[in-house]
C-alpha atoms as a PDB file:
ATOM      1  CA  MET A   1     104.265 -38.604 -53.049  1.00  0.00           C
ATOM      2  CA  ARG A   2     102.696 -36.419 -50.392  1.00  0.00           C
ATOM      3  CA  ARG A   3      99.291 -34.837 -50.805  1.00  0.00           C
ATOM      4  CA  LEU A   4      99.730 -31.158 -50.136  1.00  0.00           C
ATOM      5  CA  VAL A   5      97.932 -28.067 -51.384  1.00  0.00           C
ATOM      6  CA  VAL A   6      98.487 -24.354 -50.799  1.00  0.00           C
ATOM      7  CA  LEU A   7      94.948 -23.127 -51.234  1.00  0.00           C
ATOM      8  CA  SER A   8      95.767 -19.436 -51.443  1.00  0.00           C
ATOM      9  CA  VAL A   9      97.383 -19.981 -54.850  1.00  0.00           C
ATOM     10  CA  LEU A  10      95.706 -23.318 -55.680  1.00  0.00           C
ATOM     11  CA  VAL A  11      99.052 -24.926 -56.472  1.00  0.00           C
ATOM     12  CA  VAL A  12      99.446 -28.681 -55.994  1.00  0.00           C
ATOM     13  CA  VAL A  13     102.891 -30.187 -55.552  1.00  0.00           C
ATOM     14  CA  LEU A  14     103.383 -33.952 -55.318  1.00  0.00           C
ATOM     15  CA  SER A  15     106.978 -34.656 -54.376  1.00  0.00           C
ATOM     16  CA  GLY A  16     108.368 -36.157 -51.175  1.00  0.00           C
ATOM     17  CA  VAL A  17     109.596 -33.908 -48.402  1.00  0.00           C
ATOM     18  CA  SER A  18     109.651 -30.742 -50.482  1.00  0.00           C
ATOM     19  CA  ALA A  19     105.966 -30.992 -51.366  1.00  0.00           C
ATOM     20  CA  ALA A  20     103.282 -28.680 -50.153  1.00  0.00           C
ATOM     21  CA  PRO A  21     100.470 -30.330 -47.889  1.00  0.00           C
ATOM     22  CA  ALA A  22      97.343 -32.309 -49.083  1.00  0.00           C
ATOM     23  CA  GLN A  23      94.257 -34.554 -48.808  1.00  0.00           C
ATOM     24  CA  ALA A  24      90.437 -33.928 -48.786  1.00  0.00           C
ATOM     25  CA  ILE A  25      87.208 -35.847 -48.403  1.00  0.00           C
ATOM     26  CA  THR A  26      85.783 -37.559 -51.484  1.00  0.00           C
ATOM     27  CA  PHE A  27      82.286 -39.027 -51.726  1.00  0.00           C
ATOM     28  CA  GLY A  28      81.605 -37.994 -48.126  1.00  0.00           C
ATOM     29  CA  GLN A  29      79.212 -35.657 -46.386  1.00  0.00           C
ATOM     30  CA  LEU A  30      79.309 -32.364 -44.551  1.00  0.00           C
ATOM     31  CA  ASP A  31      80.454 -32.749 -40.968  1.00  0.00           C
ATOM     32  CA  TYR A  32      78.805 -29.715 -39.335  1.00  0.00           C
ATOM     33  CA  THR A  33      79.283 -30.465 -35.605  1.00  0.00           C
ATOM     34  CA  ALA A  34      79.895 -34.232 -35.782  1.00  0.00           C
ATOM     35  CA  HIS A  35      83.649 -33.967 -35.159  1.00  0.00           C
ATOM     36  CA  PRO A  36      84.269 -30.608 -33.438  1.00  0.00           C
ATOM     37  CA  TRP A  37      87.771 -31.688 -32.311  1.00  0.00           C
ATOM     38  CA  VAL A  38      88.960 -31.786 -35.941  1.00  0.00           C
ATOM     39  CA  GLY A  39      90.431 -28.493 -37.113  1.00  0.00           C
ATOM     40  CA  ALA A  40      92.297 -26.828 -39.967  1.00  0.00           C
ATOM     41  CA  LEU A  41      95.910 -25.656 -39.704  1.00  0.00           C
ATOM     42  CA  VAL A  42      96.201 -21.981 -40.649  1.00  0.00           C
ATOM     43  CA  PHE A  43      99.162 -19.795 -41.656  1.00  0.00           C
ATOM     44  CA  GLU A  44      99.799 -16.508 -43.467  1.00  0.00           C
ATOM     45  CA  PRO A  45     100.940 -17.119 -47.073  1.00  0.00           C
ATOM     46  CA  THR A  46     101.331 -13.348 -47.273  1.00  0.00           C
ATOM     47  CA  PRO A  47     101.508 -10.993 -44.273  1.00  0.00           C
ATOM     48  CA  GLY A  48      98.076 -10.309 -42.848  1.00  0.00           C
ATOM     49  CA  VAL A  49      96.309 -12.857 -45.089  1.00  0.00           C
ATOM     50  CA  LYS A  50      95.372 -16.142 -43.452  1.00  0.00           C
ATOM     51  CA  ASP A  51      94.615 -19.407 -45.234  1.00  0.00           C
ATOM     52  CA  TRP A  52      94.440 -23.054 -44.231  1.00  0.00           C
ATOM     53  CA  ILE A  53      96.896 -25.691 -45.350  1.00  0.00           C
ATOM     54  CA  CYS A  54      96.202 -29.026 -43.591  1.00  0.00           C
ATOM     55  CA  SER A  55      93.830 -30.827 -41.260  1.00  0.00           C
ATOM     56  CA  GLY A  56      94.410 -32.267 -37.804  1.00  0.00           C
ATOM     57  CA  THR A  57      92.937 -33.277 -34.456  1.00  0.00           C
ATOM     58  CA  LEU A  58      92.884 -31.903 -30.936  1.00  0.00           C
ATOM     59  CA  VAL A  59      94.022 -34.820 -28.715  1.00  0.00           C
ATOM     60  CA  ALA A  60      94.651 -32.891 -25.482  1.00  0.00           C
ATOM     61  CA  PRO A  61      93.415 -29.476 -24.288  1.00  0.00           C
ATOM     62  CA  LYS A  62      96.317 -27.696 -26.029  1.00  0.00           C
ATOM     63  CA  VAL A  63      97.807 -30.365 -28.334  1.00  0.00           C
ATOM     64  CA  TYR A  64      96.786 -30.657 -31.991  1.00  0.00           C
ATOM     65  CA  VAL A  65      98.145 -33.537 -34.104  1.00  0.00           C
ATOM     66  CA  THR A  66      98.867 -33.199 -37.825  1.00  0.00           C
ATOM     67  CA  ALA A  67     101.373 -34.437 -40.421  1.00  0.00           C
ATOM     68  CA  ALA A  68     105.066 -33.532 -40.399  1.00  0.00           C
ATOM     69  CA  HIS A  69     105.126 -32.872 -44.130  1.00  0.00           C
ATOM     70  CA  CYS A  70     102.707 -30.001 -43.430  1.00  0.00           C
ATOM     71  CA  THR A  71     104.919 -28.356 -40.805  1.00  0.00           C
ATOM     72  CA  ALA A  72     108.098 -29.146 -42.749  1.00  0.00           C
ATOM     73  CA  TYR A  73     106.646 -27.324 -45.729  1.00  0.00           C
ATOM     74  CA  LEU A  74     105.867 -24.319 -43.554  1.00  0.00           C
ATOM     75  CA  ALA A  75     109.453 -24.367 -42.329  1.00  0.00           C
ATOM     76  CA  GLN A  76     110.655 -24.386 -45.961  1.00  0.00           C
ATOM     77  CA  LEU A  77     108.542 -21.294 -46.572  1.00  0.00           C
ATOM     78  CA  GLY A  78     110.253 -19.598 -43.640  1.00  0.00           C
ATOM     79  CA  VAL A  79     107.146 -19.615 -41.452  1.00  0.00           C
ATOM     80  CA  ASP A  80     108.198 -19.206 -37.833  1.00  0.00           C
ATOM     81  CA  PRO A  81     107.055 -22.135 -35.652  1.00  0.00           C
ATOM     82  CA  HIS A  82     104.866 -19.796 -33.595  1.00  0.00           C
ATOM     83  CA  ASP A  83     103.211 -18.184 -36.628  1.00  0.00           C
ATOM     84  CA  VAL A  84     100.482 -20.804 -37.061  1.00  0.00           C
ATOM     85  CA  TRP A  85      96.899 -21.072 -35.878  1.00  0.00           C
ATOM     86  CA  VAL A  86      94.162 -23.681 -35.722  1.00  0.00           C
ATOM     87  CA  THR A  87      90.454 -23.208 -36.377  1.00  0.00           C
ATOM     88  CA  PHE A  88      87.814 -25.715 -35.325  1.00  0.00           C
ATOM     89  CA  ASN A  89      84.970 -24.092 -37.225  1.00  0.00           C
ATOM     90  CA  PRO A  90      83.169 -26.525 -39.566  1.00  0.00           C
ATOM     91  CA  ALA A  91      83.781 -24.140 -42.488  1.00  0.00           C
ATOM     92  CA  PHE A  92      86.998 -22.138 -42.784  1.00  0.00           C
ATOM     93  CA  SER A  93      86.829 -18.366 -42.872  1.00  0.00           C
ATOM     94  CA  PRO A  94      89.658 -15.864 -42.296  1.00  0.00           C
ATOM     95  CA  THR A  95      87.437 -14.317 -39.630  1.00  0.00           C
ATOM     96  CA  ASP A  96      87.185 -17.568 -37.627  1.00  0.00           C
ATOM     97  CA  THR A  97      88.152 -17.805 -33.992  1.00  0.00           C
ATOM     98  CA  LEU A  98      91.786 -18.857 -34.320  1.00  0.00           C
ATOM     99  CA  TYR A  99      94.005 -20.450 -31.697  1.00  0.00           C
ATOM    100  CA  ARG A 100      97.651 -19.575 -32.084  1.00  0.00           C
ATOM    101  CA  GLY A 101     100.272 -22.218 -31.432  1.00  0.00           C
ATOM    102  CA  THR A 102     103.777 -23.511 -32.086  1.00  0.00           C
ATOM    103  CA  TYR A 103     104.450 -26.365 -34.493  1.00  0.00           C
ATOM    104  CA  HIS A 104     106.857 -29.223 -33.768  1.00  0.00           C
ATOM    105  CA  SER A 105     107.760 -31.819 -36.408  1.00  0.00           C
ATOM    106  CA  ASP A 106     108.924 -35.257 -35.351  1.00  0.00           C
ATOM    107  CA  PRO A 107     112.750 -34.779 -35.350  1.00  0.00           C
ATOM    108  CA  LEU A 108     113.124 -38.109 -37.171  1.00  0.00           C
ATOM    109  CA  TYR A 109     110.851 -37.046 -40.046  1.00  0.00           C
ATOM    110  CA  GLY A 110     112.461 -37.895 -43.390  1.00  0.00           C
ATOM    111  CA  SER A 111     115.243 -39.926 -41.807  1.00  0.00           C
ATOM    112  CA  PRO A 112     116.020 -43.533 -42.751  1.00  0.00           C
ATOM    113  CA  PRO A 113     114.640 -46.119 -42.821  1.00  0.00           C
ATOM    114  CA  LYS A 114     111.981 -45.460 -45.436  1.00  0.00           C
ATOM    115  CA  SER A 115     109.741 -48.001 -43.714  1.00  0.00           C
ATOM    116  CA  ASN A 116     109.097 -45.366 -41.047  1.00  0.00           C
ATOM    117  CA  ASP A 117     109.388 -41.736 -42.115  1.00  0.00           C
ATOM    118  CA  HIS A 118     107.849 -40.355 -38.882  1.00  0.00           C
ATOM    119  CA  ASP A 119     105.345 -38.168 -40.756  1.00  0.00           C
ATOM    120  CA  LEU A 120     103.917 -36.762 -37.547  1.00  0.00           C
ATOM    121  CA  ALA A 121     103.775 -33.309 -35.983  1.00  0.00           C
ATOM    122  CA  VAL A 122     101.997 -31.437 -33.226  1.00  0.00           C
ATOM    123  CA  VAL A 123     100.941 -27.849 -32.702  1.00  0.00           C
ATOM    124  CA  VAL A 124     101.020 -26.812 -29.060  1.00  0.00           C
ATOM    125  CA  LEU A 125      98.337 -24.158 -28.679  1.00  0.00           C
ATOM    126  CA  ASP A 126      98.862 -21.080 -26.523  1.00  0.00           C
ATOM    127  CA  SER A 127      95.436 -21.610 -24.956  1.00  0.00           C
ATOM    128  CA  ALA A 128      92.909 -24.416 -24.885  1.00  0.00           C
ATOM    129  CA  PRO A 129      89.906 -24.029 -27.224  1.00  0.00           C
ATOM    130  CA  THR A 130      86.710 -23.423 -25.317  1.00  0.00           C
ATOM    131  CA  GLY A 131      83.855 -25.902 -25.478  1.00  0.00           C
ATOM    132  CA  ILE A 132      85.799 -28.629 -27.314  1.00  0.00           C
ATOM    133  CA  THR A 133      86.501 -32.004 -25.726  1.00  0.00           C
ATOM    134  CA  PRO A 134      89.661 -33.523 -27.258  1.00  0.00           C
ATOM    135  CA  ALA A 135      89.601 -36.751 -29.229  1.00  0.00           C
ATOM    136  CA  THR A 136      91.165 -39.874 -27.751  1.00  0.00           C
ATOM    137  CA  LEU A 137      94.592 -41.349 -28.390  1.00  0.00           C
ATOM    138  CA  PRO A 138      94.616 -45.113 -29.019  1.00  0.00           C
ATOM    139  CA  LEU A 139      96.225 -47.829 -26.988  1.00  0.00           C
ATOM    140  CA  ALA A 140      99.462 -49.045 -28.559  1.00  0.00           C
ATOM    141  CA  GLY A 141      98.738 -51.730 -31.143  1.00  0.00           C
ATOM    142  CA  TRP A 142      95.053 -50.874 -31.563  1.00  0.00           C
ATOM    143  CA  LEU A 143      95.177 -51.683 -35.290  1.00  0.00           C
ATOM    144  CA  ASP A 144      96.908 -55.019 -34.676  1.00  0.00           C
ATOM    145  CA  ARG A 145      93.888 -56.543 -32.986  1.00  0.00           C
ATOM    146  CA  PRO A 146      91.942 -59.309 -34.757  1.00  0.00           C
ATOM    147  CA  GLY A 147      89.004 -58.361 -36.945  1.00  0.00           C
ATOM    148  CA  VAL A 148      90.067 -54.843 -37.937  1.00  0.00           C
ATOM    149  CA  ARG A 149      89.676 -55.622 -41.650  1.00  0.00           C
ATOM    150  CA  GLN A 150      85.950 -56.064 -41.134  1.00  0.00           C
ATOM    151  CA  LEU A 151      85.523 -52.626 -39.551  1.00  0.00           C
ATOM    152  CA  THR A 152      84.550 -49.296 -41.102  1.00  0.00           C
ATOM    153  CA  PHE A 153      86.710 -46.334 -40.099  1.00  0.00           C
ATOM    154  CA  THR A 154      85.906 -42.623 -40.425  1.00  0.00           C
ATOM    155  CA  ALA A 155      88.139 -40.092 -42.196  1.00  0.00           C
ATOM    156  CA  VAL A 156      87.651 -36.365 -41.560  1.00  0.00           C
ATOM    157  CA  GLY A 157      89.160 -33.332 -43.261  1.00  0.00           C
ATOM    158  CA  TYR A 158      88.747 -29.965 -44.962  1.00  0.00           C
ATOM    159  CA  GLY A 159      90.241 -30.734 -48.378  1.00  0.00           C
ATOM    160  CA  GLU A 160      89.251 -31.148 -51.998  1.00  0.00           C
ATOM    161  CA  VAL A 161      85.741 -32.476 -52.576  1.00  0.00           C
ATOM    162  CA  ARG A 162      84.788 -35.049 -55.202  1.00  0.00           C
ATOM    163  CA  ASN A 163      81.271 -36.388 -55.601  1.00  0.00           C
ATOM    164  CA  ASP A 164      81.335 -37.328 -59.295  1.00  0.00           C
ATOM    165  CA  LYS A 165      82.496 -40.836 -60.255  1.00  0.00           C
ATOM    166  CA  THR A 166      82.736 -40.002 -63.961  1.00  0.00           C
ATOM    167  CA  GLY A 167      84.111 -36.467 -64.057  1.00  0.00           C
ATOM    168  CA  GLY A 168      87.784 -37.404 -63.746  1.00  0.00           C
ATOM    169  CA  PRO A 169      90.418 -35.679 -61.602  1.00  0.00           C
ATOM    170  CA  HIS A 170      89.250 -32.220 -62.663  1.00  0.00           C
ATOM    171  CA  SER A 171      85.815 -32.657 -61.101  1.00  0.00           C
ATOM    172  CA  GLY A 172      87.063 -31.761 -57.617  1.00  0.00           C
ATOM    173  CA  PHE A 173      86.509 -28.438 -55.886  1.00  0.00           C
ATOM    174  CA  TYR A 174      87.395 -26.645 -52.647  1.00  0.00           C
ATOM    175  CA  ASP A 175      84.948 -24.973 -50.297  1.00  0.00           C
ATOM    176  CA  GLY A 176      86.853 -25.122 -46.994  1.00  0.00           C
ATOM    177  CA  GLN A 177      84.186 -27.162 -45.235  1.00  0.00           C
ATOM    178  CA  ARG A 178      84.861 -30.076 -42.908  1.00  0.00           C
ATOM    179  CA  ARG A 179      83.582 -33.436 -44.162  1.00  0.00           C
ATOM    180  CA  PHE A 180      83.671 -37.079 -43.124  1.00  0.00           C
ATOM    181  CA  VAL A 181      83.385 -40.446 -44.849  1.00  0.00           C
ATOM    182  CA  GLY A 182      83.553 -44.183 -44.117  1.00  0.00           C
ATOM    183  CA  GLN A 183      86.409 -46.458 -45.219  1.00  0.00           C
ATOM    184  CA  THR A 184      87.417 -50.095 -44.942  1.00  0.00           C
ATOM    185  CA  LEU A 185      90.960 -51.229 -44.193  1.00  0.00           C
ATOM    186  CA  GLN A 186      93.126 -52.593 -47.041  1.00  0.00           C
ATOM    187  CA  SER A 187      96.551 -53.315 -45.607  1.00  0.00           C
ATOM    188  CA  LEU A 188      98.694 -52.812 -42.546  1.00  0.00           C
ATOM    189  CA  THR A 189     102.424 -52.547 -41.860  1.00  0.00           C
ATOM    190  CA  ARG A 190     104.267 -51.690 -38.672  1.00  0.00           C
ATOM    191  CA  THR A 191     103.915 -47.945 -39.296  1.00  0.00           C
ATOM    192  CA  VAL A 192     101.415 -47.444 -42.144  1.00  0.00           C
ATOM    193  CA  VAL A 193      97.792 -48.389 -42.755  1.00  0.00           C
ATOM    194  CA  THR A 194      95.973 -48.100 -46.086  1.00  0.00           C
ATOM    195  CA  PHE A 195      92.227 -47.714 -46.496  1.00  0.00           C
ATOM    196  CA  SER A 196      90.052 -48.206 -49.555  1.00  0.00           C
ATOM    197  CA  MET A 197      88.557 -45.060 -51.019  1.00  0.00           C
ATOM    198  CA  ASN A 198      86.905 -46.652 -54.034  1.00  0.00           C
ATOM    199  CA  PRO A 199      83.343 -45.302 -54.321  1.00  0.00           C
ATOM    200  CA  SER A 200      82.321 -48.383 -56.314  1.00  0.00           C
ATOM    201  CA  THR A 201      82.771 -50.459 -53.149  1.00  0.00           C
ATOM    202  CA  GLY A 202      80.941 -47.987 -50.927  1.00  0.00           C
ATOM    203  CA  ASN A 203      84.072 -46.236 -49.663  1.00  0.00           C
ATOM    204  CA  GLY A 204      85.115 -42.620 -49.785  1.00  0.00           C
ATOM    205  CA  GLY A 205      88.424 -41.095 -48.847  1.00  0.00           C
ATOM    206  CA  THR A 206      90.769 -38.171 -48.629  1.00  0.00           C
ATOM    207  CA  CYS A 207      92.258 -35.941 -51.307  1.00  0.00           C
ATOM    208  CA  TYR A 208      94.275 -32.747 -51.722  1.00  0.00           C
ATOM    209  CA  GLY A 209      93.872 -30.598 -48.597  1.00  0.00           C
ATOM    210  CA  ASP A 210      93.367 -33.332 -45.921  1.00  0.00           C
ATOM    211  CA  SER A 211      96.942 -34.162 -44.880  1.00  0.00           C
ATOM    212  CA  GLY A 212      97.210 -34.664 -41.135  1.00  0.00           C
ATOM    213  CA  GLY A 213      93.488 -35.334 -40.854  1.00  0.00           C
ATOM    214  CA  PRO A 214      92.339 -38.144 -38.573  1.00  0.00           C
ATOM    215  CA  HIS A 215      91.016 -41.627 -39.191  1.00  0.00           C
ATOM    216  CA  PHE A 216      88.788 -42.691 -36.312  1.00  0.00           C
ATOM    217  CA  ALA A 217      88.076 -46.165 -35.034  1.00  0.00           C
ATOM    218  CA  PRO A 218      84.428 -47.174 -35.625  1.00  0.00           C
ATOM    219  CA  ASP A 219      81.841 -45.240 -33.615  1.00  0.00           C
ATOM    220  CA  SER A 220      84.445 -43.627 -31.386  1.00  0.00           C
ATOM    221  CA  THR A 221      86.686 -40.613 -30.875  1.00  0.00           C
ATOM    222  CA  ILE A 222      89.833 -42.766 -31.023  1.00  0.00           C
ATOM    223  CA  VAL A 223      92.325 -41.508 -33.623  1.00  0.00           C
ATOM    224  CA  VAL A 224      94.219 -44.507 -35.006  1.00  0.00           C
ATOM    225  CA  ALA A 225      95.996 -42.878 -37.981  1.00  0.00           C
ATOM    226  CA  ILE A 226      96.481 -39.617 -39.873  1.00  0.00           C
ATOM    227  CA  THR A 227      96.354 -38.968 -43.611  1.00  0.00           C
ATOM    228  CA  ILE A 228      99.713 -38.650 -45.351  1.00  0.00           C
ATOM    229  CA  THR A 229      99.255 -39.570 -49.038  1.00  0.00           C
ATOM    230  CA  GLY A 230      97.438 -41.725 -51.604  1.00  0.00           C
ATOM    231  CA  ASP A 231      96.895 -42.195 -55.312  1.00  0.00           C
ATOM    232  CA  THR A 232      97.009 -39.124 -57.561  1.00  0.00           C
ATOM    233  CA  ASN A 233      93.344 -39.272 -58.576  1.00  0.00           C
ATOM    234  CA  CYS A 234      92.034 -39.783 -55.020  1.00  0.00           C
ATOM    235  CA  ARG A 235      90.062 -42.815 -56.111  1.00  0.00           C
ATOM    236  CA  SER A 236      91.616 -46.026 -54.816  1.00  0.00           C
ATOM    237  CA  THR A 237      94.058 -45.979 -51.907  1.00  0.00           C
ATOM    238  CA  ASP A 238      94.348 -43.773 -48.842  1.00  0.00           C
ATOM    239  CA  LYS A 239      97.744 -44.123 -47.116  1.00  0.00           C
ATOM    240  CA  ASP A 240      97.950 -43.129 -43.471  1.00  0.00           C
ATOM    241  CA  TYR A 241     100.545 -42.958 -40.726  1.00  0.00           C
ATOM    242  CA  ARG A 242      99.732 -45.043 -37.672  1.00  0.00           C
ATOM    243  CA  ILE A 243      99.622 -43.219 -34.352  1.00  0.00           C
ATOM    244  CA  ASP A 244      98.816 -46.376 -32.410  1.00  0.00           C
ATOM    245  CA  THR A 245     102.506 -47.316 -32.286  1.00  0.00           C
ATOM    246  CA  ALA A 246     104.726 -46.885 -29.247  1.00  0.00           C
ATOM    247  CA  GLU A 247     106.938 -44.430 -31.193  1.00  0.00           C
ATOM    248  CA  SER A 248     104.066 -42.218 -32.343  1.00  0.00           C
ATOM    249  CA  LEU A 249     102.424 -42.176 -28.928  1.00  0.00           C
ATOM    250  CA  ALA A 250     105.735 -41.358 -27.222  1.00  0.00           C
ATOM    251  CA  PHE A 251     106.239 -38.336 -29.515  1.00  0.00           C
ATOM    252  CA  ILE A 252     102.695 -37.025 -28.997  1.00  0.00           C
ATOM    253  CA  ASN A 253     102.663 -37.662 -25.259  1.00  0.00           C
ATOM    254  CA  SER A 254     105.926 -35.769 -24.827  1.00  0.00           C
ATOM    255  CA  PHE A 255     103.886 -32.596 -25.413  1.00  0.00           C
ATOM    256  CA  ILE A 256     101.023 -33.516 -23.074  1.00  0.00           C
ATOM    257  CA  PRO A 257     101.530 -32.566 -19.411  1.00  0.00           C
END
């Protein structure tokens, strides 16, 4: 299951590669200018009408990292690779300053083995955003170091908001604003990391609208993983694709001069 949402029609699809993009911040707080290098991926669901679809991070002056299931969905819609934009405004508006770019999905996305589906993509911007210092890529194996389970990581995104522990899955809403929240690590494999998003244990997480959004190492600008999926109700587990692996870093760095 991928968390994807097409906000212009408010349709949620939860189904492997053919899904539409997802994930948002639950039990978090407004970001304002705390993470200015985090932006929303924008496309035109209908000609001349712009809307956002996923989150992501500027990691080089003209390289924005997001999830491959976001760009693969755009390709399924027939969106030309160069017909996408990124906004870094803390609240999305169709009148934002937009930076046009070209999306590139990892060519191995969706290929066997299932233990590594390469859910990673970049958007190479035509021009570098002004006044924004990119976030930092991790050293390979950052999440394999001792003691990571005792750390609190930070998730950031533009997606569905939930602040009510008792309202059920229908208590969420969208306002297009960037938010952040703290999370503790649950489990780790060679390519995937899961974080707790249970508010009863002091965690928050991502939900529909945040796919591709970053998870930062504690008190840093180091992006260690990106949001790819989680449980349907956005209450327990946040599943993320590691970008601190040699494979992920090689793909991203191939677009950085």
